[in-house]
């Protein structure tokens, strides 16, 4: 399982980046991007104020 970002609704606030214990998220061009290091823990989904991140 890994996270995916809805680029249409992501506001680039960085809350998910700060919440990720794996360091698997970063901001690129003002949008969150998930790397292969994602463990699927869901910390980013809980932190996202716009519900732009989901677990696949």
C-alpha atoms as a PDB file:
ATOM      1  CA  UNK A   1       0.000   0.000   0.000  1.00  0.00           C
ATOM      2  CA  UNK A   2       1.244   3.486  -0.761  1.00  0.00           C
ATOM      3  CA  UNK A   3      -0.057   7.030  -0.758  1.00  0.00           C
ATOM      4  CA  UNK A   4      -1.178   8.988  -3.788  1.00  0.00           C
ATOM      5  CA  UNK A   5      -1.772  12.725  -4.078  1.00  0.00           C
ATOM      6  CA  UNK A   6      -4.675  14.427  -5.831  1.00  0.00           C
ATOM      7  CA  UNK A   7      -2.775  17.224  -7.549  1.00  0.00           C
ATOM      8  CA  UNK A   8      -6.010  19.098  -8.256  1.00  0.00           C
ATOM      9  CA  UNK A   9      -6.790  19.656  -4.572  1.00  0.00           C
ATOM     10  CA  UNK A  10      -3.310  19.699  -2.988  1.00  0.00           C
ATOM     11  CA  UNK A  11      -2.471  23.213  -1.774  1.00  0.00           C
ATOM     12  CA  UNK A  12       1.200  22.493  -1.071  1.00  0.00           C
ATOM     13  CA  UNK A  13       1.019  23.315   2.643  1.00  0.00           C
ATOM     14  CA  UNK A  14       3.642  20.687   3.582  1.00  0.00           C
ATOM     15  CA  UNK A  15       1.701  19.188   6.495  1.00  0.00           C
ATOM     16  CA  UNK A  16       2.104  15.724   4.992  1.00  0.00           C
ATOM     17  CA  UNK A  17       5.841  16.213   4.531  1.00  0.00           C
ATOM     18  CA  UNK A  18       6.209  17.080   8.216  1.00  0.00           C
ATOM     19  CA  UNK A  19       3.992  14.174   9.312  1.00  0.00           C
ATOM     20  CA  UNK A  20       5.665  11.415   7.284  1.00  0.00           C
ATOM     21  CA  UNK A  21       7.913   9.264   9.500  1.00  0.00           C
ATOM     22  CA  UNK A  22       9.574   7.716   6.432  1.00  0.00           C
ATOM     23  CA  UNK A  23      10.512  10.955   4.710  1.00  0.00           C
ATOM     24  CA  UNK A  24       8.637   9.725   1.654  1.00  0.00           C
ATOM     25  CA  UNK A  25       6.920  13.007   0.801  1.00  0.00           C
ATOM     26  CA  UNK A  26       8.314  16.198  -0.647  1.00  0.00           C
ATOM     27  CA  UNK A  27       6.979  19.322  -2.300  1.00  0.00           C
ATOM     28  CA  UNK A  28       7.691  19.855  -5.976  1.00  0.00           C
ATOM     29  CA  UNK A  29       6.284  22.879  -7.767  1.00  0.00           C
ATOM     30  CA  UNK A  30       3.926  23.488  -4.846  1.00  0.00           C
ATOM     31  CA  UNK A  31       2.420  19.990  -4.842  1.00  0.00           C
ATOM     32  CA  UNK A  32       3.135  16.981  -2.614  1.00  0.00           C
ATOM     33  CA  UNK A  33       4.957  14.075  -4.268  1.00  0.00           C
ATOM     34  CA  UNK A  34       5.254  10.553  -2.839  1.00  0.00           C
ATOM     35  CA  UNK A  35       8.495   8.595  -3.275  1.00  0.00           C
ATOM     36  CA  UNK A  36       9.038   4.838  -3.361  1.00  0.00           C
ATOM     37  CA  UNK A  37       9.990   5.009   0.334  1.00  0.00           C
ATOM     38  CA  UNK A  38       6.292   5.237   1.290  1.00  0.00           C
ATOM     39  CA  UNK A  39       5.366   2.565   3.857  1.00  0.00           C
ATOM     40  CA  UNK A  40       1.617   3.191   3.600  1.00  0.00           C
ATOM     41  CA  UNK A  41       1.260   4.090   7.283  1.00  0.00           C
ATOM     42  CA  UNK A  42      -1.370   6.794   6.687  1.00  0.00           C
ATOM     43  CA  UNK A  43       0.266   9.553   8.737  1.00  0.00           C
ATOM     44  CA  UNK A  44       0.096  11.864   5.729  1.00  0.00           C
ATOM     45  CA  UNK A  45      -3.599  11.230   5.135  1.00  0.00           C
ATOM     46  CA  UNK A  46      -4.355  12.175   8.740  1.00  0.00           C
ATOM     47  CA  UNK A  47      -2.262  15.358   8.447  1.00  0.00           C
ATOM     48  CA  UNK A  48      -3.649  16.603   5.120  1.00  0.00           C
ATOM     49  CA  UNK A  49      -6.136  19.446   5.707  1.00  0.00           C
ATOM     50  CA  UNK A  50      -7.645  19.126   2.200  1.00  0.00           C
ATOM     51  CA  UNK A  51      -7.952  15.309   2.135  1.00  0.00           C
ATOM     52  CA  UNK A  52      -5.786  15.288  -0.985  1.00  0.00           C
ATOM     53  CA  UNK A  53      -3.879  12.139  -0.051  1.00  0.00           C
ATOM     54  CA  UNK A  54      -5.284   8.626  -0.155  1.00  0.00           C
ATOM     55  CA  UNK A  55      -3.846   5.163   0.367  1.00  0.00           C
ATOM     56  CA  UNK A  56      -3.931   2.793  -2.601  1.00  0.00           C
END
